[in-house]
Amino acid sequence: MRTRDRKPWGCGMQPPPWPALDPGIARVVQILWQRGVETTESCEGGPGHAFAQPTVRFCGEAHAGYHAVAVALAAGLCVDELRRCWSVTDGELLGPYWELTFGTQEA
C-alpha cells in the first residue's frame, strides 16, 4: 500500500491483543486503553527495539496529550516526555500524532 493511500493515524481502532505487545510496555498500554487513550504503536525500548526508551504513540486532537499524561501520572507511571510528532515517509509528512515516553523502570 502506498503511503498516501494509508488512512491517517486515527481513532476507532480496537485495543491490541495484550500478549502481542512487548512485555515491558503491555501494562502501560493496557492502563492507557482502559482510561480512553487509544494507542497506535508501542515499544518497550532498548537495544534491538524501535525506540531507545519505553514509548507509546497514540491518536487524538490537541487536548489528547494532556489527557494521556494525566492518566499516566494518576496511575503512577514514570512519564518522561510528551511529544507532538510528524514523520516523513516517501517525502510526505504523516501526522500529527502523539508520543509518550516513560522512564526505563516501566520496561
PDB file of N, CA and C in Angstrom:
ATOM      1  N   MET A   1       0.843  -1.174   0.000  1.00  0.00           N
ATOM      2  CA  MET A   1       0.000   0.000   0.000  1.00  0.00           C
ATOM      3  C   MET A   1       0.890   1.239   0.000  1.00  0.00           C
ATOM      4  N   ARG A   2       0.627   2.169  -0.867  1.00  0.00           N
ATOM      5  CA  ARG A   2       1.400   3.402  -0.918  1.00  0.00           C
ATOM      6  C   ARG A   2       1.069   4.270   0.273  1.00  0.00           C
ATOM      7  N   THR A   3       2.021   5.093   0.695  1.00  0.00           N
ATOM      8  CA  THR A   3       1.855   5.942   1.869  1.00  0.00           C
ATOM      9  C   THR A   3       0.620   6.813   1.772  1.00  0.00           C
ATOM     10  N   ARG A   4       0.427   7.439   0.630  1.00  0.00           N
ATOM     11  CA  ARG A   4      -0.700   8.366   0.534  1.00  0.00           C
ATOM     12  C   ARG A   4      -2.055   7.642   0.533  1.00  0.00           C
ATOM     13  N   ASP A   5      -2.060   6.323   0.315  1.00  0.00           N
ATOM     14  CA  ASP A   5      -3.298   5.560   0.344  1.00  0.00           C
ATOM     15  C   ASP A   5      -3.661   5.091   1.758  1.00  0.00           C
ATOM     16  N   ARG A   6      -2.702   5.219   2.674  1.00  0.00           N
ATOM     17  CA  ARG A   6      -2.985   4.798   4.041  1.00  0.00           C
ATOM     18  C   ARG A   6      -3.970   5.728   4.708  1.00  0.00           C
ATOM     19  N   LYS A   7      -4.750   5.180   5.599  1.00  0.00           N
ATOM     20  CA  LYS A   7      -5.619   6.022   6.410  1.00  0.00           C
ATOM     21  C   LYS A   7      -4.730   6.735   7.415  1.00  0.00           C
ATOM     22  N   PRO A   8      -5.087   7.961   7.807  1.00  0.00           N
ATOM     23  CA  PRO A   8      -4.268   8.676   8.777  1.00  0.00           C
ATOM     24  C   PRO A   8      -4.310   7.971  10.122  1.00  0.00           C
ATOM     25  N   TRP A   9      -3.320   8.264  10.971  1.00  0.00           N
ATOM     26  CA  TRP A   9      -3.381   7.759  12.340  1.00  0.00           C
ATOM     27  C   TRP A   9      -4.766   8.120  12.817  1.00  0.00           C
ATOM     28  N   GLY A  10      -5.508   7.164  13.197  1.00  0.00           N
ATOM     29  CA  GLY A  10      -6.868   7.534  13.504  1.00  0.00           C
ATOM     30  C   GLY A  10      -7.453   6.776  14.638  1.00  0.00           C
ATOM     31  N   CYS A  11      -8.501   7.345  15.107  1.00  0.00           N
ATOM     32  CA  CYS A  11      -9.233   6.735  16.196  1.00  0.00           C
ATOM     33  C   CYS A  11     -10.195   5.711  15.614  1.00  0.00           C
ATOM     34  N   GLY A  12     -10.846   4.979  16.467  1.00  0.00           N
ATOM     35  CA  GLY A  12     -11.765   3.961  16.024  1.00  0.00           C
ATOM     36  C   GLY A  12     -11.110   2.603  15.913  1.00  0.00           C
ATOM     37  N   MET A  13      -9.898   2.479  16.414  1.00  0.00           N
ATOM     38  CA  MET A  13      -9.193   1.199  16.381  1.00  0.00           C
ATOM     39  C   MET A  13      -9.607   0.366  17.588  1.00  0.00           C
ATOM     40  N   GLN A  14      -9.317  -0.897  17.527  1.00  0.00           N
ATOM     41  CA  GLN A  14      -9.590  -1.800  18.640  1.00  0.00           C
ATOM     42  C   GLN A  14      -8.327  -1.935  19.481  1.00  0.00           C
ATOM     43  N   PRO A  15      -8.469  -2.196  20.791  1.00  0.00           N
ATOM     44  CA  PRO A  15      -7.270  -2.396  21.615  1.00  0.00           C
ATOM     45  C   PRO A  15      -6.445  -3.554  21.071  1.00  0.00           C
ATOM     46  N   PRO A  16      -5.118  -3.456  21.223  1.00  0.00           N
ATOM     47  CA  PRO A  16      -4.261  -4.543  20.733  1.00  0.00           C
ATOM     48  C   PRO A  16      -4.408  -5.776  21.609  1.00  0.00           C
ATOM     49  N   PRO A  17      -4.101  -6.943  21.082  1.00  0.00           N
ATOM     50  CA  PRO A  17      -4.104  -8.137  21.936  1.00  0.00           C
ATOM     51  C   PRO A  17      -2.937  -8.029  22.906  1.00  0.00           C
ATOM     52  N   TRP A  18      -3.218  -8.020  24.195  1.00  0.00           N
ATOM     53  CA  TRP A  18      -2.183  -7.763  25.197  1.00  0.00           C
ATOM     54  C   TRP A  18      -0.983  -8.704  25.081  1.00  0.00           C
ATOM     55  N   PRO A  19      -1.140 -10.001  24.813  1.00  0.00           N
ATOM     56  CA  PRO A  19       0.050 -10.856  24.714  1.00  0.00           C
ATOM     57  C   PRO A  19       0.956 -10.506  23.532  1.00  0.00           C
ATOM     58  N   ALA A  20       0.437  -9.818  22.518  1.00  0.00           N
ATOM     59  CA  ALA A  20       1.232  -9.492  21.337  1.00  0.00           C
ATOM     60  C   ALA A  20       2.147  -8.289  21.569  1.00  0.00           C
ATOM     61  N   LEU A  21       1.970  -7.584  22.661  1.00  0.00           N
ATOM     62  CA  LEU A  21       2.770  -6.398  22.952  1.00  0.00           C
ATOM     63  C   LEU A  21       4.090  -6.790  23.598  1.00  0.00           C
ATOM     64  N   ASP A  22       5.089  -5.896  23.473  1.00  0.00           N
ATOM     65  CA  ASP A  22       6.328  -6.098  24.220  1.00  0.00           C
ATOM     66  C   ASP A  22       5.961  -6.204  25.696  1.00  0.00           C
ATOM     67  N   PRO A  23       6.495  -7.200  26.397  1.00  0.00           N
ATOM     68  CA  PRO A  23       6.128  -7.389  27.801  1.00  0.00           C
ATOM     69  C   PRO A  23       6.390  -6.162  28.672  1.00  0.00           C
ATOM     70  N   GLY A  24       7.428  -5.405  28.341  1.00  0.00           N
ATOM     71  CA  GLY A  24       7.782  -4.256  29.164  1.00  0.00           C
ATOM     72  C   GLY A  24       6.906  -3.039  28.981  1.00  0.00           C
ATOM     73  N   ILE A  25       6.010  -3.044  28.008  1.00  0.00           N
ATOM     74  CA  ILE A  25       5.135  -1.888  27.774  1.00  0.00           C
ATOM     75  C   ILE A  25       3.660  -2.278  27.832  1.00  0.00           C
ATOM     76  N   ALA A  26       3.354  -3.567  27.910  1.00  0.00           N
ATOM     77  CA  ALA A  26       1.963  -4.044  27.877  1.00  0.00           C
ATOM     78  C   ALA A  26       1.118  -3.445  28.988  1.00  0.00           C
ATOM     79  N   ARG A  27       1.644  -3.371  30.201  1.00  0.00           N
ATOM     80  CA  ARG A  27       0.878  -2.814  31.335  1.00  0.00           C
ATOM     81  C   ARG A  27       0.538  -1.343  31.072  1.00  0.00           C
ATOM     82  N   VAL A  28       1.503  -0.597  30.551  1.00  0.00           N
ATOM     83  CA  VAL A  28       1.294   0.821  30.250  1.00  0.00           C
ATOM     84  C   VAL A  28       0.188   0.972  29.209  1.00  0.00           C
ATOM     85  N   VAL A  29       0.267   0.205  28.123  1.00  0.00           N
ATOM     86  CA  VAL A  29      -0.735   0.275  27.054  1.00  0.00           C
ATOM     87  C   VAL A  29      -2.114  -0.086  27.600  1.00  0.00           C
ATOM     88  N   GLN A  30      -2.191  -1.112  28.413  1.00  0.00           N
ATOM     89  CA  GLN A  30      -3.474  -1.525  28.967  1.00  0.00           C
ATOM     90  C   GLN A  30      -4.071  -0.431  29.851  1.00  0.00           C
ATOM     91  N   ILE A  31      -3.259   0.193  30.682  1.00  0.00           N
ATOM     92  CA  ILE A  31      -3.732   1.290  31.536  1.00  0.00           C
ATOM     93  C   ILE A  31      -4.269   2.427  30.674  1.00  0.00           C
ATOM     94  N   LEU A  32      -3.529   2.799  29.641  1.00  0.00           N
ATOM     95  CA  LEU A  32      -3.958   3.903  28.775  1.00  0.00           C
ATOM     96  C   LEU A  32      -5.271   3.582  28.063  1.00  0.00           C
ATOM     97  N   TRP A  33      -5.390   2.374  27.482  1.00  0.00           N
ATOM     98  CA  TRP A  33      -6.629   1.989  26.791  1.00  0.00           C
ATOM     99  C   TRP A  33      -7.811   1.972  27.742  1.00  0.00           C
ATOM    100  N   GLN A  34      -7.618   1.453  28.945  1.00  0.00           N
ATOM    101  CA  GLN A  34      -8.719   1.368  29.912  1.00  0.00           C
ATOM    102  C   GLN A  34      -9.244   2.741  30.304  1.00  0.00           C
ATOM    103  N   ARG A  35      -8.421   3.757  30.116  1.00  0.00           N
ATOM    104  CA  ARG A  35      -8.801   5.109  30.500  1.00  0.00           C
ATOM    105  C   ARG A  35      -8.998   6.029  29.299  1.00  0.00           C
ATOM    106  N   GLY A  36      -9.214   5.431  28.118  1.00  0.00           N
ATOM    107  CA  GLY A  36      -9.620   6.198  26.946  1.00  0.00           C
ATOM    108  C   GLY A  36      -8.518   6.742  26.056  1.00  0.00           C
ATOM    109  N   VAL A  37      -7.279   6.302  26.249  1.00  0.00           N
ATOM    110  CA  VAL A  37      -6.188   6.741  25.376  1.00  0.00           C
ATOM    111  C   VAL A  37      -5.981   5.654  24.325  1.00  0.00           C
ATOM    112  N   GLU A  38      -6.251   5.979  23.081  1.00  0.00           N
ATOM    113  CA  GLU A  38      -6.235   4.997  22.005  1.00  0.00           C
ATOM    114  C   GLU A  38      -4.845   4.914  21.377  1.00  0.00           C
ATOM    115  N   THR A  39      -4.054   3.962  21.830  1.00  0.00           N
ATOM    116  CA  THR A  39      -2.685   3.822  21.347  1.00  0.00           C
ATOM    117  C   THR A  39      -2.667   3.235  19.938  1.00  0.00           C
ATOM    118  N   THR A  40      -1.625   3.612  19.179  1.00  0.00           N
ATOM    119  CA  THR A  40      -1.479   3.103  17.815  1.00  0.00           C
ATOM    120  C   THR A  40      -0.187   2.326  17.637  1.00  0.00           C
ATOM    121  N   GLU A  41       0.772   2.521  18.533  1.00  0.00           N
ATOM    122  CA  GLU A  41       2.066   1.855  18.443  1.00  0.00           C
ATOM    123  C   GLU A  41       2.722   1.906  19.810  1.00  0.00           C
ATOM    124  N   SER A  42       3.478   0.862  20.142  1.00  0.00           N
ATOM    125  CA  SER A  42       4.194   0.868  21.417  1.00  0.00           C
ATOM    126  C   SER A  42       5.453   0.018  21.318  1.00  0.00           C
ATOM    127  N   CYS A  43       6.400   0.315  22.213  1.00  0.00           N
ATOM    128  CA  CYS A  43       7.662  -0.416  22.236  1.00  0.00           C
ATOM    129  C   CYS A  43       8.255  -0.289  23.634  1.00  0.00           C
ATOM    130  N   GLU A  44       8.818  -1.382  24.150  1.00  0.00           N
ATOM    131  CA  GLU A  44       9.421  -1.328  25.480  1.00  0.00           C
ATOM    132  C   GLU A  44      10.785  -0.645  25.467  1.00  0.00           C
ATOM    133  N   GLY A  45      11.338  -0.406  24.298  1.00  0.00           N
ATOM    134  CA  GLY A  45      12.592   0.318  24.178  1.00  0.00           C
ATOM    135  C   GLY A  45      13.810  -0.525  24.500  1.00  0.00           C
ATOM    136  N   GLY A  46      14.973   0.023  24.159  1.00  0.00           N
ATOM    137  CA  GLY A  46      16.229  -0.640  24.444  1.00  0.00           C
ATOM    138  C   GLY A  46      16.892  -1.186  23.194  1.00  0.00           C
ATOM    139  N   PRO A  47      18.072  -1.798  23.360  1.00  0.00           N
ATOM    140  CA  PRO A  47      18.803  -2.352  22.218  1.00  0.00           C
ATOM    141  C   PRO A  47      17.951  -3.362  21.435  1.00  0.00           C
ATOM    142  N   GLY A  48      17.967  -3.232  20.125  1.00  0.00           N
ATOM    143  CA  GLY A  48      17.209  -4.132  19.274  1.00  0.00           C
ATOM    144  C   GLY A  48      15.738  -3.770  19.130  1.00  0.00           C
ATOM    145  N   HIS A  49      15.317  -2.664  19.711  1.00  0.00           N
ATOM    146  CA  HIS A  49      13.918  -2.224  19.626  1.00  0.00           C
ATOM    147  C   HIS A  49      13.815  -0.958  18.783  1.00  0.00           C
ATOM    148  N   ALA A  50      12.613  -0.601  18.402  1.00  0.00           N
ATOM    149  CA  ALA A  50      12.379   0.562  17.551  1.00  0.00           C
ATOM    150  C   ALA A  50      12.675   1.883  18.254  1.00  0.00           C
ATOM    151  N   PHE A  51      12.586   1.916  19.571  1.00  0.00           N
ATOM    152  CA  PHE A  51      12.802   3.133  20.341  1.00  0.00           C
ATOM    153  C   PHE A  51      13.852   2.880  21.415  1.00  0.00           C
ATOM    154  N   ALA A  52      14.554   3.921  21.790  1.00  0.00           N
ATOM    155  CA  ALA A  52      15.591   3.793  22.818  1.00  0.00           C
ATOM    156  C   ALA A  52      14.995   3.599  24.208  1.00  0.00           C
ATOM    157  N   GLN A  53      13.801   4.128  24.442  1.00  0.00           N
ATOM    158  CA  GLN A  53      13.164   4.015  25.751  1.00  0.00           C
ATOM    159  C   GLN A  53      11.701   3.615  25.557  1.00  0.00           C
ATOM    160  N   PRO A  54      11.044   3.170  26.625  1.00  0.00           N
ATOM    161  CA  PRO A  54       9.629   2.790  26.502  1.00  0.00           C
ATOM    162  C   PRO A  54       8.817   3.940  25.907  1.00  0.00           C
ATOM    163  N   THR A  55       8.076   3.641  24.834  1.00  0.00           N
ATOM    164  CA  THR A  55       7.362   4.673  24.079  1.00  0.00           C
ATOM    165  C   THR A  55       5.999   4.158  23.650  1.00  0.00           C
ATOM    166  N   VAL A  56       5.015   5.038  23.729  1.00  0.00           N
ATOM    167  CA  VAL A  56       3.668   4.735  23.245  1.00  0.00           C
ATOM    168  C   VAL A  56       3.248   5.884  22.342  1.00  0.00           C
ATOM    169  N   ARG A  57       2.766   5.549  21.149  1.00  0.00           N
ATOM    170  CA  ARG A  57       2.178   6.540  20.250  1.00  0.00           C
ATOM    171  C   ARG A  57       0.667   6.393  20.309  1.00  0.00           C
ATOM    172  N   PHE A  58      -0.022   7.510  20.170  1.00  0.00           N
ATOM    173  CA  PHE A  58      -1.487   7.472  20.231  1.00  0.00           C
ATOM    174  C   PHE A  58      -2.071   8.595  19.409  1.00  0.00           C
ATOM    175  N   CYS A  59      -3.350   8.453  19.084  1.00  0.00           N
ATOM    176  CA  CYS A  59      -4.040   9.442  18.273  1.00  0.00           C
ATOM    177  C   CYS A  59      -4.807  10.396  19.168  1.00  0.00           C
ATOM    178  N   GLY A  60      -5.250  11.473  18.573  1.00  0.00           N
ATOM    179  CA  GLY A  60      -6.088  12.404  19.309  1.00  0.00           C
ATOM    180  C   GLY A  60      -5.859  13.842  18.902  1.00  0.00           C
ATOM    181  N   GLU A  61      -6.796  14.660  19.273  1.00  0.00           N
ATOM    182  CA  GLU A  61      -6.741  16.088  18.982  1.00  0.00           C
ATOM    183  C   GLU A  61      -5.766  16.785  19.927  1.00  0.00           C
ATOM    184  N   ALA A  62      -5.763  18.108  19.888  1.00  0.00           N
ATOM    185  CA  ALA A  62      -4.803  18.901  20.652  1.00  0.00           C
ATOM    186  C   ALA A  62      -4.823  18.609  22.149  1.00  0.00           C
ATOM    187  N   HIS A  63      -5.958  18.298  22.717  1.00  0.00           N
ATOM    188  CA  HIS A  63      -6.055  18.053  24.160  1.00  0.00           C
ATOM    189  C   HIS A  63      -5.684  16.627  24.565  1.00  0.00           C
ATOM    190  N   ALA A  64      -5.563  15.714  23.620  1.00  0.00           N
ATOM    191  CA  ALA A  64      -5.355  14.300  23.937  1.00  0.00           C
ATOM    192  C   ALA A  64      -4.045  14.047  24.679  1.00  0.00           C
ATOM    193  N   GLY A  65      -3.024  14.818  24.383  1.00  0.00           N
ATOM    194  CA  GLY A  65      -1.749  14.647  25.073  1.00  0.00           C
ATOM    195  C   GLY A  65      -1.857  14.943  26.555  1.00  0.00           C
ATOM    196  N   TYR A  66      -2.582  15.995  26.891  1.00  0.00           N
ATOM    197  CA  TYR A  66      -2.763  16.358  28.294  1.00  0.00           C
ATOM    198  C   TYR A  66      -3.517  15.260  29.040  1.00  0.00           C
ATOM    199  N   HIS A  67      -4.522  14.733  28.383  1.00  0.00           N
ATOM    200  CA  HIS A  67      -5.307  13.645  28.980  1.00  0.00           C
ATOM    201  C   HIS A  67      -4.427  12.424  29.229  1.00  0.00           C
ATOM    202  N   ALA A  68      -3.612  12.056  28.245  1.00  0.00           N
ATOM    203  CA  ALA A  68      -2.755  10.877  28.375  1.00  0.00           C
ATOM    204  C   ALA A  68      -1.745  11.039  29.508  1.00  0.00           C
ATOM    205  N   VAL A  69      -1.153  12.212  29.619  1.00  0.00           N
ATOM    206  CA  VAL A  69      -0.210  12.455  30.709  1.00  0.00           C
ATOM    207  C   VAL A  69      -0.919  12.372  32.054  1.00  0.00           C
ATOM    208  N   ALA A  70      -2.096  12.964  32.154  1.00  0.00           N
ATOM    209  CA  ALA A  70      -2.851  12.910  33.406  1.00  0.00           C
ATOM    210  C   ALA A  70      -3.182  11.471  33.786  1.00  0.00           C
ATOM    211  N   VAL A  71      -3.611  10.677  32.814  1.00  0.00           N
ATOM    212  CA  VAL A  71      -3.925   9.265  33.049  1.00  0.00           C
ATOM    213  C   VAL A  71      -2.686   8.520  33.541  1.00  0.00           C
ATOM    214  N   ALA A  72      -1.576   8.712  32.841  1.00  0.00           N
ATOM    215  CA  ALA A  72      -0.345   8.004  33.194  1.00  0.00           C
ATOM    216  C   ALA A  72       0.145   8.392  34.586  1.00  0.00           C
ATOM    217  N   LEU A  73       0.137   9.675  34.890  1.00  0.00           N
ATOM    218  CA  LEU A  73       0.602  10.117  36.208  1.00  0.00           C
ATOM    219  C   LEU A  73      -0.320   9.628  37.318  1.00  0.00           C
ATOM    220  N   ALA A  74      -1.622   9.673  37.076  1.00  0.00           N
ATOM    221  CA  ALA A  74      -2.582   9.190  38.077  1.00  0.00           C
ATOM    222  C   ALA A  74      -2.410   7.701  38.353  1.00  0.00           C
ATOM    223  N   ALA A  75      -1.930   6.960  37.347  1.00  0.00           N
ATOM    224  CA  ALA A  75      -1.707   5.520  37.502  1.00  0.00           C
ATOM    225  C   ALA A  75      -0.333   5.218  38.105  1.00  0.00           C
ATOM    226  N   GLY A  76       0.451   6.268  38.381  1.00  0.00           N
ATOM    227  CA  GLY A  76       1.759   6.078  38.984  1.00  0.00           C
ATOM    228  C   GLY A  76       2.858   5.727  38.004  1.00  0.00           C
ATOM    229  N   LEU A  77       2.626   5.948  36.711  1.00  0.00           N
ATOM    230  CA  LEU A  77       3.645   5.652  35.708  1.00  0.00           C
ATOM    231  C   LEU A  77       4.684   6.773  35.686  1.00  0.00           C
ATOM    232  N   CYS A  78       5.899   6.433  35.321  1.00  0.00           N
ATOM    233  CA  CYS A  78       7.014   7.379  35.293  1.00  0.00           C
ATOM    234  C   CYS A  78       7.106   8.029  33.910  1.00  0.00           C
ATOM    235  N   VAL A  79       6.340   9.087  33.703  1.00  0.00           N
ATOM    236  CA  VAL A  79       6.313   9.788  32.414  1.00  0.00           C
ATOM    237  C   VAL A  79       7.598  10.589  32.254  1.00  0.00           C
ATOM    238  N   ASP A  80       8.221  10.454  31.087  1.00  0.00           N
ATOM    239  CA  ASP A  80       9.450  11.191  30.800  1.00  0.00           C
ATOM    240  C   ASP A  80       9.167  12.383  29.897  1.00  0.00           C
ATOM    241  N   GLU A  81       8.519  12.136  28.735  1.00  0.00           N
ATOM    242  CA  GLU A  81       8.229  13.212  27.794  1.00  0.00           C
ATOM    243  C   GLU A  81       6.908  12.981  27.065  1.00  0.00           C
ATOM    244  N   LEU A  82       6.294  14.093  26.664  1.00  0.00           N
ATOM    245  CA  LEU A  82       5.136  14.075  25.773  1.00  0.00           C
ATOM    246  C   LEU A  82       5.554  14.847  24.534  1.00  0.00           C
ATOM    247  N   ARG A  83       5.303  14.263  23.358  1.00  0.00           N
ATOM    248  CA  ARG A  83       5.694  14.903  22.103  1.00  0.00           C
ATOM    249  C   ARG A  83       4.535  14.913  21.121  1.00  0.00           C
ATOM    250  N   ARG A  84       4.485  15.948  20.301  1.00  0.00           N
ATOM    251  CA  ARG A  84       3.574  16.019  19.160  1.00  0.00           C
ATOM    252  C   ARG A  84       4.465  15.861  17.938  1.00  0.00           C
ATOM    253  N   CYS A  85       4.275  14.811  17.163  1.00  0.00           N
ATOM    254  CA  CYS A  85       5.233  14.442  16.117  1.00  0.00           C
ATOM    255  C   CYS A  85       4.589  14.321  14.737  1.00  0.00           C
ATOM    256  N   TRP A  86       5.418  14.527  13.742  1.00  0.00           N
ATOM    257  CA  TRP A  86       5.116  14.238  12.355  1.00  0.00           C
ATOM    258  C   TRP A  86       6.277  13.401  11.845  1.00  0.00           C
ATOM    259  N   SER A  87       6.005  12.417  11.045  1.00  0.00           N
ATOM    260  CA  SER A  87       7.085  11.654  10.428  1.00  0.00           C
ATOM    261  C   SER A  87       7.105  11.957   8.937  1.00  0.00           C
ATOM    262  N   VAL A  88       8.231  11.693   8.307  1.00  0.00           N
ATOM    263  CA  VAL A  88       8.366  11.894   6.870  1.00  0.00           C
ATOM    264  C   VAL A  88       8.564  10.526   6.241  1.00  0.00           C
ATOM    265  N   THR A  89       7.620  10.111   5.421  1.00  0.00           N
ATOM    266  CA  THR A  89       7.677   8.827   4.737  1.00  0.00           C
ATOM    267  C   THR A  89       7.464   9.072   3.248  1.00  0.00           C
ATOM    268  N   ASP A  90       8.355   8.563   2.447  1.00  0.00           N
ATOM    269  CA  ASP A  90       8.282   8.771   0.995  1.00  0.00           C
ATOM    270  C   ASP A  90       8.155  10.249   0.640  1.00  0.00           C
ATOM    271  N   GLY A  91       8.848  11.098   1.401  1.00  0.00           N
ATOM    272  CA  GLY A  91       8.842  12.529   1.126  1.00  0.00           C
ATOM    273  C   GLY A  91       7.586  13.259   1.539  1.00  0.00           C
ATOM    274  N   GLU A  92       6.693  12.586   2.274  1.00  0.00           N
ATOM    275  CA  GLU A  92       5.452  13.227   2.705  1.00  0.00           C
ATOM    276  C   GLU A  92       5.348  13.224   4.216  1.00  0.00           C
ATOM    277  N   LEU A  93       4.795  14.296   4.760  1.00  0.00           N
ATOM    278  CA  LEU A  93       4.564  14.370   6.198  1.00  0.00           C
ATOM    279  C   LEU A  93       3.373  13.513   6.582  1.00  0.00           C
ATOM    280  N   LEU A  94       3.516  12.736   7.628  1.00  0.00           N
ATOM    281  CA  LEU A  94       2.411  11.966   8.202  1.00  0.00           C
ATOM    282  C   LEU A  94       2.220  12.433   9.631  1.00  0.00           C
ATOM    283  N   GLY A  95       0.988  12.633  10.013  1.00  0.00           N
ATOM    284  CA  GLY A  95       0.716  13.059  11.378  1.00  0.00           C
ATOM    285  C   GLY A  95      -0.211  14.250  11.367  1.00  0.00           C
ATOM    286  N   PRO A  96      -0.305  14.907  12.483  1.00  0.00           N
ATOM    287  CA  PRO A  96       0.492  14.695  13.682  1.00  0.00           C
ATOM    288  C   PRO A  96      -0.023  13.523  14.514  1.00  0.00           C
ATOM    289  N   TYR A  97       0.855  13.014  15.340  1.00  0.00           N
ATOM    290  CA  TYR A  97       0.480  12.006  16.313  1.00  0.00           C
ATOM    291  C   TYR A  97       1.180  12.342  17.616  1.00  0.00           C
ATOM    292  N   TRP A  98       0.739  11.720  18.667  1.00  0.00           N
ATOM    293  CA  TRP A  98       1.312  11.940  19.989  1.00  0.00           C
ATOM    294  C   TRP A  98       2.276  10.814  20.319  1.00  0.00           C
ATOM    295  N   GLU A  99       3.297  11.145  21.091  1.00  0.00           N
ATOM    296  CA  GLU A  99       4.258  10.158  21.557  1.00  0.00           C
ATOM    297  C   GLU A  99       4.518  10.425  23.034  1.00  0.00           C
ATOM    298  N   LEU A 100       4.358   9.407  23.838  1.00  0.00           N
ATOM    299  CA  LEU A 100       4.574   9.492  25.279  1.00  0.00           C
ATOM    300  C   LEU A 100       5.714   8.547  25.626  1.00  0.00           C
ATOM    301  N   THR A 101       6.745   9.060  26.296  1.00  0.00           N
ATOM    302  CA  THR A 101       7.867   8.207  26.679  1.00  0.00           C
ATOM    303  C   THR A 101       7.897   8.057  28.194  1.00  0.00           C
ATOM    304  N   PHE A 102       8.484   6.951  28.630  1.00  0.00           N
ATOM    305  CA  PHE A 102       8.492   6.608  30.047  1.00  0.00           C
ATOM    306  C   PHE A 102       9.901   6.297  30.516  1.00  0.00           C
ATOM    307  N   GLY A 103      10.128   6.452  31.826  1.00  0.00           N
ATOM    308  CA  GLY A 103      11.391   6.057  32.416  1.00  0.00           C
ATOM    309  C   GLY A 103      11.595   4.556  32.239  1.00  0.00           C
ATOM    310  N   THR A 104      12.827   4.137  32.275  1.00  0.00           N
ATOM    311  CA  THR A 104      13.140   2.737  31.971  1.00  0.00           C
ATOM    312  C   THR A 104      12.565   1.759  32.979  1.00  0.00           C
ATOM    313  N   GLN A 105      12.164   2.189  34.162  1.00  0.00           N
ATOM    314  CA  GLN A 105      11.588   1.238  35.102  1.00  0.00           C
ATOM    315  C   GLN A 105      10.219   0.738  34.667  1.00  0.00           C
ATOM    316  N   GLU A 106       9.602   1.384  33.649  1.00  0.00           N
ATOM    317  CA  GLU A 106       8.329   0.893  33.126  1.00  0.00           C
ATOM    318  C   GLU A 106       8.552  -0.349  32.271  1.00  0.00           C
ATOM    319  N   ALA A 107       9.731  -0.475  31.683  1.00  0.00           N
ATOM    320  CA  ALA A 107      10.031  -1.605  30.800  1.00  0.00           C
ATOM    321  C   ALA A 107      10.488  -2.814  31.582  1.00  0.00           C
TER     322      ALA A 107
END
